[in-house]
PDB file of N, CA and C in Angstrom:
ATOM      1  N   UNK A   1       0.876  -1.176   0.065  1.00  0.00           N
ATOM      2  CA  UNK A   1       0.018  -0.070   0.124  1.00  0.00           C
ATOM      3  C   UNK A   1       1.049   1.108   0.362  1.00  0.00           C
ATOM      4  N   UNK A   2       0.816   1.892  -0.923  1.00  0.00           N
ATOM      5  CA  UNK A   2       1.390   2.881  -0.881  1.00  0.00           C
ATOM      6  C   UNK A   2       0.721   3.877  -0.179  1.00  0.00           C
ATOM      7  N   UNK A   3       1.497   4.717   1.023  1.00  0.00           N
ATOM      8  CA  UNK A   3       0.329   6.006   1.796  1.00  0.00           C
ATOM      9  C   UNK A   3       0.745   7.502   0.617  1.00  0.00           C
ATOM     10  N   UNK A   4      -0.007   8.229   0.578  1.00  0.00           N
ATOM     11  CA  UNK A   4      -0.389   9.513   0.213  1.00  0.00           C
ATOM     12  C   UNK A   4       0.899  10.347   0.739  1.00  0.00           C
ATOM     13  N   UNK A   5       2.221  11.085   0.380  1.00  0.00           N
ATOM     14  CA  UNK A   5       1.906  12.238   1.054  1.00  0.00           C
ATOM     15  C   UNK A   5       1.534  13.677   0.657  1.00  0.00           C
ATOM     16  N   UNK A   6       1.439  14.534   1.374  1.00  0.00           N
ATOM     17  CA  UNK A   6       1.069  15.824   0.716  1.00  0.00           C
ATOM     18  C   UNK A   6       2.021  16.683   0.304  1.00  0.00           C
ATOM     19  N   UNK A   7       3.316  16.580   0.530  1.00  0.00           N
ATOM     20  CA  UNK A   7       4.283  17.217  -0.216  1.00  0.00           C
ATOM     21  C   UNK A   7       5.204  16.308  -0.751  1.00  0.00           C
ATOM     22  N   UNK A   8       5.980  16.709  -1.805  1.00  0.00           N
ATOM     23  CA  UNK A   8       7.540  15.874  -2.564  1.00  0.00           C
ATOM     24  C   UNK A   8       7.860  15.531  -1.128  1.00  0.00           C
ATOM     25  N   UNK A   9       9.087  14.457  -1.419  1.00  0.00           N
ATOM     26  CA  UNK A   9      10.111  14.496  -0.770  1.00  0.00           C
ATOM     27  C   UNK A   9      10.983  16.105  -0.671  1.00  0.00           C
ATOM     28  N   UNK A  10      11.419  16.065  -2.493  1.00  0.00           N
ATOM     29  CA  UNK A  10      12.308  17.411  -2.344  1.00  0.00           C
ATOM     30  C   UNK A  10      12.202  18.786  -1.931  1.00  0.00           C
ATOM     31  N   UNK A  11      10.730  18.656  -1.742  1.00  0.00           N
ATOM     32  CA  UNK A  11       9.865  19.929  -0.865  1.00  0.00           C
ATOM     33  C   UNK A  11      10.635  19.813   0.197  1.00  0.00           C
ATOM     34  N   UNK A  12       9.787  18.748   0.502  1.00  0.00           N
ATOM     35  CA  UNK A  12      10.034  18.614   2.299  1.00  0.00           C
ATOM     36  C   UNK A  12      11.786  18.766   3.024  1.00  0.00           C
ATOM     37  N   UNK A  13      12.578  18.011   2.027  1.00  0.00           N
ATOM     38  CA  UNK A  13      13.847  18.455   2.398  1.00  0.00           C
ATOM     39  C   UNK A  13      14.158  19.786   2.512  1.00  0.00           C
ATOM     40  N   UNK A  14      13.931  20.809   0.936  1.00  0.00           N
ATOM     41  CA  UNK A  14      14.326  21.963   1.052  1.00  0.00           C
ATOM     42  C   UNK A  14      13.701  22.618   2.213  1.00  0.00           C
ATOM     43  N   UNK A  15      12.557  22.574   2.725  1.00  0.00           N
ATOM     44  CA  UNK A  15      11.902  23.325   3.909  1.00  0.00           C
ATOM     45  C   UNK A  15      12.655  22.565   5.537  1.00  0.00           C
ATOM     46  N   UNK A  16      12.930  21.550   5.761  1.00  0.00           N
ATOM     47  CA  UNK A  16      13.917  21.010   6.465  1.00  0.00           C
ATOM     48  C   UNK A  16      15.166  21.987   6.277  1.00  0.00           C
ATOM     49  N   UNK A  17      16.205  22.112   5.188  1.00  0.00           N
ATOM     50  CA  UNK A  17      17.054  22.606   5.382  1.00  0.00           C
ATOM     51  C   UNK A  17      17.161  23.949   5.470  1.00  0.00           C
ATOM     52  N   UNK A  18      16.147  24.634   5.326  1.00  0.00           N
ATOM     53  CA  UNK A  18      15.379  26.082   5.139  1.00  0.00           C
ATOM     54  C   UNK A  18      15.025  26.811   6.995  1.00  0.00           C
ATOM     55  N   UNK A  19      14.613  25.806   7.204  1.00  0.00           N
ATOM     56  CA  UNK A  19      14.056  25.763   8.715  1.00  0.00           C
ATOM     57  C   UNK A  19      15.763  25.690   9.835  1.00  0.00           C
ATOM     58  N   UNK A  20      16.351  24.881   9.050  1.00  0.00           N
ATOM     59  CA  UNK A  20      17.583  24.225  10.013  1.00  0.00           C
ATOM     60  C   UNK A  20      19.149  25.570   9.833  1.00  0.00           C
ATOM     61  N   UNK A  21      18.583  26.533   8.745  1.00  0.00           N
ATOM     62  CA  UNK A  21      19.541  27.587   8.343  1.00  0.00           C
ATOM     63  C   UNK A  21      18.854  28.320   9.436  1.00  0.00           C
ATOM     64  N   UNK A  22      17.249  28.376   9.003  1.00  0.00           N
ATOM     65  CA  UNK A  22      17.007  29.720  10.144  1.00  0.00           C
ATOM     66  C   UNK A  22      17.637  29.237  11.913  1.00  0.00           C
ATOM     67  N   UNK A  23      17.273  28.363  11.614  1.00  0.00           N
ATOM     68  CA  UNK A  23      17.576  28.337  13.232  1.00  0.00           C
ATOM     69  C   UNK A  23      18.882  27.954  14.047  1.00  0.00           C
ATOM     70  N   UNK A  24      20.093  27.781  12.744  1.00  0.00           N
ATOM     71  CA  UNK A  24      21.676  28.304  13.108  1.00  0.00           C
ATOM     72  C   UNK A  24      21.266  29.660  13.178  1.00  0.00           C
ATOM     73  N   UNK A  25      20.904  30.650  12.646  1.00  0.00           N
ATOM     74  CA  UNK A  25      20.945  31.913  11.772  1.00  0.00           C
ATOM     75  C   UNK A  25      20.857  32.927  13.723  1.00  0.00           C
ATOM     76  N   UNK A  26      19.264  32.213  14.122  1.00  0.00           N
ATOM     77  CA  UNK A  26      18.506  32.332  15.096  1.00  0.00           C
ATOM     78  C   UNK A  26      19.922  32.319  16.617  1.00  0.00           C
ATOM     79  N   UNK A  27      20.408  31.258  16.489  1.00  0.00           N
ATOM     80  CA  UNK A  27      21.488  30.971  17.785  1.00  0.00           C
ATOM     81  C   UNK A  27      21.991  31.636  17.578  1.00  0.00           C
ATOM     82  N   UNK A  28      23.331  31.913  16.724  1.00  0.00           N
ATOM     83  CA  UNK A  28      24.668  33.006  15.915  1.00  0.00           C
ATOM     84  C   UNK A  28      24.324  34.420  16.883  1.00  0.00           C
ATOM     85  N   UNK A  29      22.544  34.743  16.483  1.00  0.00           N
ATOM     86  CA  UNK A  29      22.339  36.209  16.915  1.00  0.00           C
ATOM     87  C   UNK A  29      22.186  36.210  18.716  1.00  0.00           C
ATOM     88  N   UNK A  30      21.925  34.728  18.628  1.00  0.00           N
ATOM     89  CA  UNK A  30      21.886  34.743  20.392  1.00  0.00           C
ATOM     90  C   UNK A  30      23.015  35.299  21.093  1.00  0.00           C
ATOM     91  N   UNK A  31      23.483  33.717  20.689  1.00  0.00           N
ATOM     92  CA  UNK A  31      25.326  34.195  21.170  1.00  0.00           C
ATOM     93  C   UNK A  31      26.085  35.591  21.032  1.00  0.00           C
ATOM     94  N   UNK A  32      26.057  36.407  20.019  1.00  0.00           N
ATOM     95  CA  UNK A  32      26.643  37.354  19.376  1.00  0.00           C
ATOM     96  C   UNK A  32      25.287  38.262  20.726  1.00  0.00           C
ATOM     97  N   UNK A  33      24.277  38.094  21.017  1.00  0.00           N
ATOM     98  CA  UNK A  33      23.588  39.627  21.697  1.00  0.00           C
ATOM     99  C   UNK A  33      24.023  39.293  22.884  1.00  0.00           C
ATOM    100  N   UNK A  34      24.389  37.926  23.594  1.00  0.00           N
ATOM    101  CA  UNK A  34      25.061  37.359  24.995  1.00  0.00           C
ATOM    102  C   UNK A  34      26.066  38.038  25.627  1.00  0.00           C
ATOM    103  N   UNK A  35      26.946  37.322  24.197  1.00  0.00           N
ATOM    104  CA  UNK A  35      28.524  37.599  24.205  1.00  0.00           C
ATOM    105  C   UNK A  35      28.378  39.445  24.793  1.00  0.00           C
ATOM    106  N   UNK A  36      27.675  40.497  24.255  1.00  0.00           N
ATOM    107  CA  UNK A  36      27.905  41.755  23.702  1.00  0.00           C
ATOM    108  C   UNK A  36      27.184  42.383  24.947  1.00  0.00           C
ATOM    109  N   UNK A  37      26.137  41.552  25.779  1.00  0.00           N
ATOM    110  CA  UNK A  37      25.273  41.967  26.683  1.00  0.00           C
ATOM    111  C   UNK A  37      26.357  41.227  28.379  1.00  0.00           C
ATOM    112  N   UNK A  38      27.174  40.224  27.618  1.00  0.00           N
ATOM    113  CA  UNK A  38      28.176  40.355  29.264  1.00  0.00           C
ATOM    114  C   UNK A  38      29.661  40.981  28.936  1.00  0.00           C
ATOM    115  N   UNK A  39      30.084  41.795  28.068  1.00  0.00           N
ATOM    116  CA  UNK A  39      31.003  42.163  27.578  1.00  0.00           C
ATOM    117  C   UNK A  39      30.848  43.319  28.448  1.00  0.00           C
ATOM    118  N   UNK A  40      29.155  44.472  27.915  1.00  0.00           N
ATOM    119  CA  UNK A  40      29.162  45.932  28.049  1.00  0.00           C
ATOM    120  C   UNK A  40      29.048  45.415  29.866  1.00  0.00           C
ATOM    121  N   UNK A  41      28.263  44.091  31.117  1.00  0.00           N
ATOM    122  CA  UNK A  41      28.052  44.447  31.647  1.00  0.00           C
ATOM    123  C   UNK A  41      29.731  44.291  32.581  1.00  0.00           C
ATOM    124  N   UNK A  42      30.520  43.595  32.162  1.00  0.00           N
ATOM    125  CA  UNK A  42      32.355  43.532  32.838  1.00  0.00           C
ATOM    126  C   UNK A  42      32.502  45.068  32.424  1.00  0.00           C
ATOM    127  N   UNK A  43      32.345  45.341  30.849  1.00  0.00           N
ATOM    128  CA  UNK A  43      32.766  47.326  31.142  1.00  0.00           C
ATOM    129  C   UNK A  43      32.221  47.825  32.547  1.00  0.00           C
ATOM    130  N   UNK A  44      30.795  47.597  32.656  1.00  0.00           N
ATOM    131  CA  UNK A  44      29.907  48.961  33.080  1.00  0.00           C
ATOM    132  C   UNK A  44      30.940  48.615  34.715  1.00  0.00           C
ATOM    133  N   UNK A  45      30.916  46.794  35.294  1.00  0.00           N
ATOM    134  CA  UNK A  45      31.589  46.658  36.814  1.00  0.00           C
ATOM    135  C   UNK A  45      32.778  47.251  36.499  1.00  0.00           C
ATOM    136  N   UNK A  46      33.698  47.020  36.296  1.00  0.00           N
ATOM    137  CA  UNK A  46      34.586  47.587  35.812  1.00  0.00           C
ATOM    138  C   UNK A  46      35.279  48.860  36.038  1.00  0.00           C
ATOM    139  N   UNK A  47      34.115  49.421  34.768  1.00  0.00           N
ATOM    140  CA  UNK A  47      34.254  51.763  35.424  1.00  0.00           C
ATOM    141  C   UNK A  47      33.838  51.563  36.910  1.00  0.00           C
ATOM    142  N   UNK A  48      32.521  51.267  37.099  1.00  0.00           N
ATOM    143  CA  UNK A  48      32.286  51.661  38.491  1.00  0.00           C
ATOM    144  C   UNK A  48      32.875  51.960  39.957  1.00  0.00           C
ATOM    145  N   UNK A  49      34.238  50.419  39.636  1.00  0.00           N
ATOM    146  CA  UNK A  49      34.575  49.932  40.973  1.00  0.00           C
ATOM    147  C   UNK A  49      35.653  51.315  40.898  1.00  0.00           C
ATOM    148  N   UNK A  50      36.384  51.497  39.484  1.00  0.00           N
ATOM    149  CA  UNK A  50      37.672  51.813  38.892  1.00  0.00           C
ATOM    150  C   UNK A  50      36.946  53.589  39.403  1.00  0.00           C
ATOM    151  N   UNK A  51      36.175  53.959  39.647  1.00  0.00           N
ATOM    152  CA  UNK A  51      35.125  55.120  39.632  1.00  0.00           C
ATOM    153  C   UNK A  51      35.612  55.620  41.026  1.00  0.00           C
ATOM    154  N   UNK A  52      35.112  54.559  42.168  1.00  0.00           N
ATOM    155  CA  UNK A  52      34.861  54.583  43.646  1.00  0.00           C
ATOM    156  C   UNK A  52      36.133  54.269  43.857  1.00  0.00           C
ATOM    157  N   UNK A  53      37.178  53.643  43.376  1.00  0.00           N
ATOM    158  CA  UNK A  53      37.878  53.659  44.141  1.00  0.00           C
ATOM    159  C   UNK A  53      39.579  55.079  43.667  1.00  0.00           C
ATOM    160  N   UNK A  54      39.192  55.676  42.619  1.00  0.00           N
ATOM    161  CA  UNK A  54      39.693  57.189  42.663  1.00  0.00           C
ATOM    162  C   UNK A  54      38.723  58.184  43.112  1.00  0.00           C
ATOM    163  N   UNK A  55      37.523  57.858  44.078  1.00  0.00           N
ATOM    164  CA  UNK A  55      36.728  59.326  44.501  1.00  0.00           C
ATOM    165  C   UNK A  55      37.195  58.876  45.976  1.00  0.00           C
ATOM    166  N   UNK A  56      37.591  57.499  46.533  1.00  0.00           N
ATOM    167  CA  UNK A  56      37.710  58.038  47.555  1.00  0.00           C
ATOM    168  C   UNK A  56      39.082  57.477  47.822  1.00  0.00           C
ATOM    169  N   UNK A  57      39.746  57.824  46.660  1.00  0.00           N
ATOM    170  CA  UNK A  57      41.188  57.650  47.506  1.00  0.00           C
ATOM    171  C   UNK A  57      41.565  58.924  48.451  1.00  0.00           C
ATOM    172  N   UNK A  58      42.382  58.912  49.438  1.00  0.00           N
ATOM    173  CA  UNK A  58      42.951  59.843  50.136  1.00  0.00           C
ATOM    174  C   UNK A  58      43.978  61.126  49.324  1.00  0.00           C
ATOM    175  N   UNK A  59      43.361  61.657  50.070  1.00  0.00           N
ATOM    176  CA  UNK A  59      44.476  62.899  49.572  1.00  0.00           C
ATOM    177  C   UNK A  59      46.042  63.288  50.423  1.00  0.00           C
ATOM    178  N   UNK A  60      47.021  64.001  49.606  1.00  0.00           N
ATOM    179  CA  UNK A  60      48.418  63.650  50.246  1.00  0.00           C
ATOM    180  C   UNK A  60      47.861  64.449  51.942  1.00  0.00           C
ATOM    181  N   UNK A  61      47.667  65.537  52.068  1.00  0.00           N
ATOM    182  CA  UNK A  61      47.391  65.513  53.490  1.00  0.00           C
ATOM    183  C   UNK A  61      46.673  64.849  54.488  1.00  0.00           C
ATOM    184  N   UNK A  62      45.780  64.233  53.523  1.00  0.00           N
ATOM    185  CA  UNK A  62      44.895  63.610  54.291  1.00  0.00           C
ATOM    186  C   UNK A  62      45.711  62.079  54.439  1.00  0.00           C
ATOM    187  N   UNK A  63      46.515  61.528  54.425  1.00  0.00           N
ATOM    188  CA  UNK A  63      47.410  60.228  54.147  1.00  0.00           C
ATOM    189  C   UNK A  63      48.151  61.205  55.166  1.00  0.00           C
ATOM    190  N   UNK A  64      49.138  62.350  54.998  1.00  0.00           N
ATOM    191  CA  UNK A  64      49.920  62.948  56.520  1.00  0.00           C
ATOM    192  C   UNK A  64      48.913  62.370  57.538  1.00  0.00           C
ATOM    193  N   UNK A  65      48.521  62.840  57.252  1.00  0.00           N
ATOM    194  CA  UNK A  65      47.245  63.176  59.002  1.00  0.00           C
ATOM    195  C   UNK A  65      47.403  62.289  59.570  1.00  0.00           C
ATOM    196  N   UNK A  66      46.433  60.828  58.588  1.00  0.00           N
ATOM    197  CA  UNK A  66      46.281  59.978  58.780  1.00  0.00           C
ATOM    198  C   UNK A  66      47.342  59.334  59.746  1.00  0.00           C
ATOM    199  N   UNK A  67      48.511  59.057  58.784  1.00  0.00           N
ATOM    200  CA  UNK A  67      50.058  58.693  59.150  1.00  0.00           C
ATOM    201  C   UNK A  67      50.475  59.413  60.345  1.00  0.00           C
ATOM    202  N   UNK A  68      50.386  60.121  61.055  1.00  0.00           N
ATOM    203  CA  UNK A  68      50.481  61.323  62.177  1.00  0.00           C
ATOM    204  C   UNK A  68      49.996  60.700  63.248  1.00  0.00           C
ATOM    205  N   UNK A  69      48.596  60.567  62.538  1.00  0.00           N
ATOM    206  CA  UNK A  69      47.850  59.885  64.117  1.00  0.00           C
ATOM    207  C   UNK A  69      47.817  58.636  64.177  1.00  0.00           C
ATOM    208  N   UNK A  70      48.095  58.362  63.262  1.00  0.00           N
ATOM    209  CA  UNK A  70      48.707  56.571  63.357  1.00  0.00           C
ATOM    210  C   UNK A  70      50.546  57.002  64.283  1.00  0.00           C
ATOM    211  N   UNK A  71      50.853  56.807  64.069  1.00  0.00           N
ATOM    212  CA  UNK A  71      52.175  57.657  64.634  1.00  0.00           C
ATOM    213  C   UNK A  71      52.231  58.052  66.573  1.00  0.00           C
ATOM    214  N   UNK A  72      51.153  58.879  66.478  1.00  0.00           N
ATOM    215  CA  UNK A  72      51.034  59.504  67.884  1.00  0.00           C
ATOM    216  C   UNK A  72      49.767  58.421  68.514  1.00  0.00           C
ATOM    217  N   UNK A  73      49.395  57.096  68.345  1.00  0.00           N
ATOM    218  CA  UNK A  73      48.896  56.218  68.428  1.00  0.00           C
ATOM    219  C   UNK A  73      49.758  55.477  69.437  1.00  0.00           C
ATOM    220  N   UNK A  74      50.734  55.077  68.132  1.00  0.00           N
ATOM    221  CA  UNK A  74      51.934  53.894  68.738  1.00  0.00           C
ATOM    222  C   UNK A  74      52.976  54.513  70.009  1.00  0.00           C
ATOM    223  N   UNK A  75      53.444  55.843  69.521  1.00  0.00           N
ATOM    224  CA  UNK A  75      53.591  56.543  70.814  1.00  0.00           C
ATOM    225  C   UNK A  75      53.199  56.576  72.151  1.00  0.00           C
ATOM    226  N   UNK A  76      51.930  56.609  72.364  1.00  0.00           N
ATOM    227  CA  UNK A  76      50.972  56.783  73.630  1.00  0.00           C
ATOM    228  C   UNK A  76      51.088  55.682  74.022  1.00  0.00           C
ATOM    229  N   UNK A  77      51.077  53.945  73.487  1.00  0.00           N
ATOM    230  CA  UNK A  77      51.122  53.369  74.055  1.00  0.00           C
ATOM    231  C   UNK A  77      52.375  53.083  74.459  1.00  0.00           C
ATOM    232  N   UNK A  78      53.680  53.480  73.751  1.00  0.00           N
ATOM    233  CA  UNK A  78      54.944  52.714  74.128  1.00  0.00           C
ATOM    234  C   UNK A  78      54.757  53.533  75.917  1.00  0.00           C
ATOM    235  N   UNK A  79      54.640  55.009  75.760  1.00  0.00           N
ATOM    236  CA  UNK A  79      54.902  56.013  76.417  1.00  0.00           C
ATOM    237  C   UNK A  79      53.845  55.159  78.098  1.00  0.00           C
ATOM    238  N   UNK A  80      52.732  54.550  77.342  1.00  0.00           N
ATOM    239  CA  UNK A  80      52.146  54.280  78.610  1.00  0.00           C
ATOM    240  C   UNK A  80      52.761  53.241  79.713  1.00  0.00           C
ATOM    241  N   UNK A  81      53.287  51.705  78.435  1.00  0.00           N
ATOM    242  CA  UNK A  81      53.823  51.188  78.850  1.00  0.00           C
ATOM    243  C   UNK A  81      55.452  51.244  79.676  1.00  0.00           C
ATOM    244  N   UNK A  82      56.193  51.986  78.950  1.00  0.00           N
ATOM    245  CA  UNK A  82      56.810  52.704  79.886  1.00  0.00           C
ATOM    246  C   UNK A  82      56.857  52.873  81.158  1.00  0.00           C
ATOM    247  N   UNK A  83      56.052  53.788  81.261  1.00  0.00           N
ATOM    248  CA  UNK A  83      55.128  54.627  82.849  1.00  0.00           C
ATOM    249  C   UNK A  83      54.673  53.232  83.589  1.00  0.00           C
ATOM    250  N   UNK A  84      54.095  52.315  83.042  1.00  0.00           N
ATOM    251  CA  UNK A  84      53.879  51.166  84.119  1.00  0.00           C
ATOM    252  C   UNK A  84      54.718  50.283  84.688  1.00  0.00           C
ATOM    253  N   UNK A  85      55.863  50.376  83.529  1.00  0.00           N
ATOM    254  CA  UNK A  85      57.178  49.161  83.745  1.00  0.00           C
ATOM    255  C   UNK A  85      57.970  50.316  85.449  1.00  0.00           C
ATOM    256  N   UNK A  86      57.771  51.536  84.969  1.00  0.00           N
ATOM    257  CA  UNK A  86      58.692  52.189  86.099  1.00  0.00           C
ATOM    258  C   UNK A  86      57.561  51.896  86.942  1.00  0.00           C
ATOM    259  N   UNK A  87      56.477  51.697  87.034  1.00  0.00           N
ATOM    260  CA  UNK A  87      55.684  51.841  88.503  1.00  0.00           C
ATOM    261  C   UNK A  87      56.082  50.432  88.994  1.00  0.00           C
ATOM    262  N   UNK A  88      56.203  49.661  88.192  1.00  0.00           N
ATOM    263  CA  UNK A  88      56.458  48.053  88.637  1.00  0.00           C
ATOM    264  C   UNK A  88      57.298  47.930  88.964  1.00  0.00           C
ATOM    265  N   UNK A  89      58.554  48.461  88.733  1.00  0.00           N
ATOM    266  CA  UNK A  89      60.335  48.752  89.156  1.00  0.00           C
ATOM    267  C   UNK A  89      60.236  48.846  90.627  1.00  0.00           C
ATOM    268  N   UNK A  90      59.481  50.230  90.528  1.00  0.00           N
ATOM    269  CA  UNK A  90      59.167  50.786  91.925  1.00  0.00           C
ATOM    270  C   UNK A  90      58.724  50.590  93.134  1.00  0.00           C
ATOM    271  N   UNK A  91      58.145  49.135  92.448  1.00  0.00           N
ATOM    272  CA  UNK A  91      56.469  48.398  93.541  1.00  0.00           C
ATOM    273  C   UNK A  91      57.687  47.696  94.129  1.00  0.00           C
ATOM    274  N   UNK A  92      58.394  47.324  93.581  1.00  0.00           N
ATOM    275  CA  UNK A  92      59.590  46.337  93.302  1.00  0.00           C
ATOM    276  C   UNK A  92      61.027  45.998  94.203  1.00  0.00           C
ATOM    277  N   UNK A  93      61.206  45.622  95.217  1.00  0.00           N
ATOM    278  CA  UNK A  93      62.520  45.200  95.806  1.00  0.00           C
ATOM    279  C   UNK A  93      63.999  44.866  94.874  1.00  0.00           C
ATOM    280  N   UNK A  94      64.926  45.896  95.086  1.00  0.00           N
ATOM    281  CA  UNK A  94      65.851  45.494  93.912  1.00  0.00           C
ATOM    282  C   UNK A  94      66.607  44.607  94.299  1.00  0.00           C
ATOM    283  N   UNK A  95      66.381  43.579  95.216  1.00  0.00           N
ATOM    284  CA  UNK A  95      67.045  42.735  95.608  1.00  0.00           C
ATOM    285  C   UNK A  95      67.025  41.590  94.836  1.00  0.00           C
ATOM    286  N   UNK A  96      65.602  41.257  95.227  1.00  0.00           N
ATOM    287  CA  UNK A  96      64.856  39.918  94.858  1.00  0.00           C
ATOM    288  C   UNK A  96      63.676  40.398  94.078  1.00  0.00           C
ATOM    289  N   UNK A  97      63.745  41.408  93.707  1.00  0.00           N
ATOM    290  CA  UNK A  97      62.645  41.477  92.062  1.00  0.00           C
ATOM    291  C   UNK A  97      61.160  40.976  93.299  1.00  0.00           C
ATOM    292  N   UNK A  98      61.192  40.886  94.794  1.00  0.00           N
ATOM    293  CA  UNK A  98      59.527  40.670  94.778  1.00  0.00           C
ATOM    294  C   UNK A  98      59.467  41.814  95.381  1.00  0.00           C
ATOM    295  N   UNK A  99      57.874  41.859  94.940  1.00  0.00           N
ATOM    296  CA  UNK A  99      56.666  43.146  95.640  1.00  0.00           C
ATOM    297  C   UNK A  99      56.889  43.501  97.115  1.00  0.00           C
ATOM    298  N   UNK A 100      56.780  44.921  97.071  1.00  0.00           N
ATOM    299  CA  UNK A 100      56.592  44.849  98.801  1.00  0.00           C
ATOM    300  C   UNK A 100      55.734  44.574  98.843  1.00  0.00           C
ATOM    301  N   UNK A 101      55.075  44.430 100.973  1.00  0.00           N
ATOM    302  CA  UNK A 101      53.975  44.311 100.885  1.00  0.00           C
ATOM    303  C   UNK A 101      53.584  45.149 101.761  1.00  0.00           C
TER     304      UNK A 101
END
């Protein structure tokens, strides 16, 4: 029994190949759009990060002020521990290094 077909096999093959080419073309366009979007997102995030790093960068005067403040903090701690050591030395006997009672 011969089954009837609505279209010829060559027309069917031509339509199939055309649809296949359309699909491949559409997929390649999607890849281009996706790659361009990811690139633009990367560039914008990098630009924002660089902008904020430059905007909030300390000036030379602020750097010197911060360094001076840090140095004063360290010196105050050194003085504190030296005075504490002197007080402990004053409270101890010179011979045995035992504290007075």
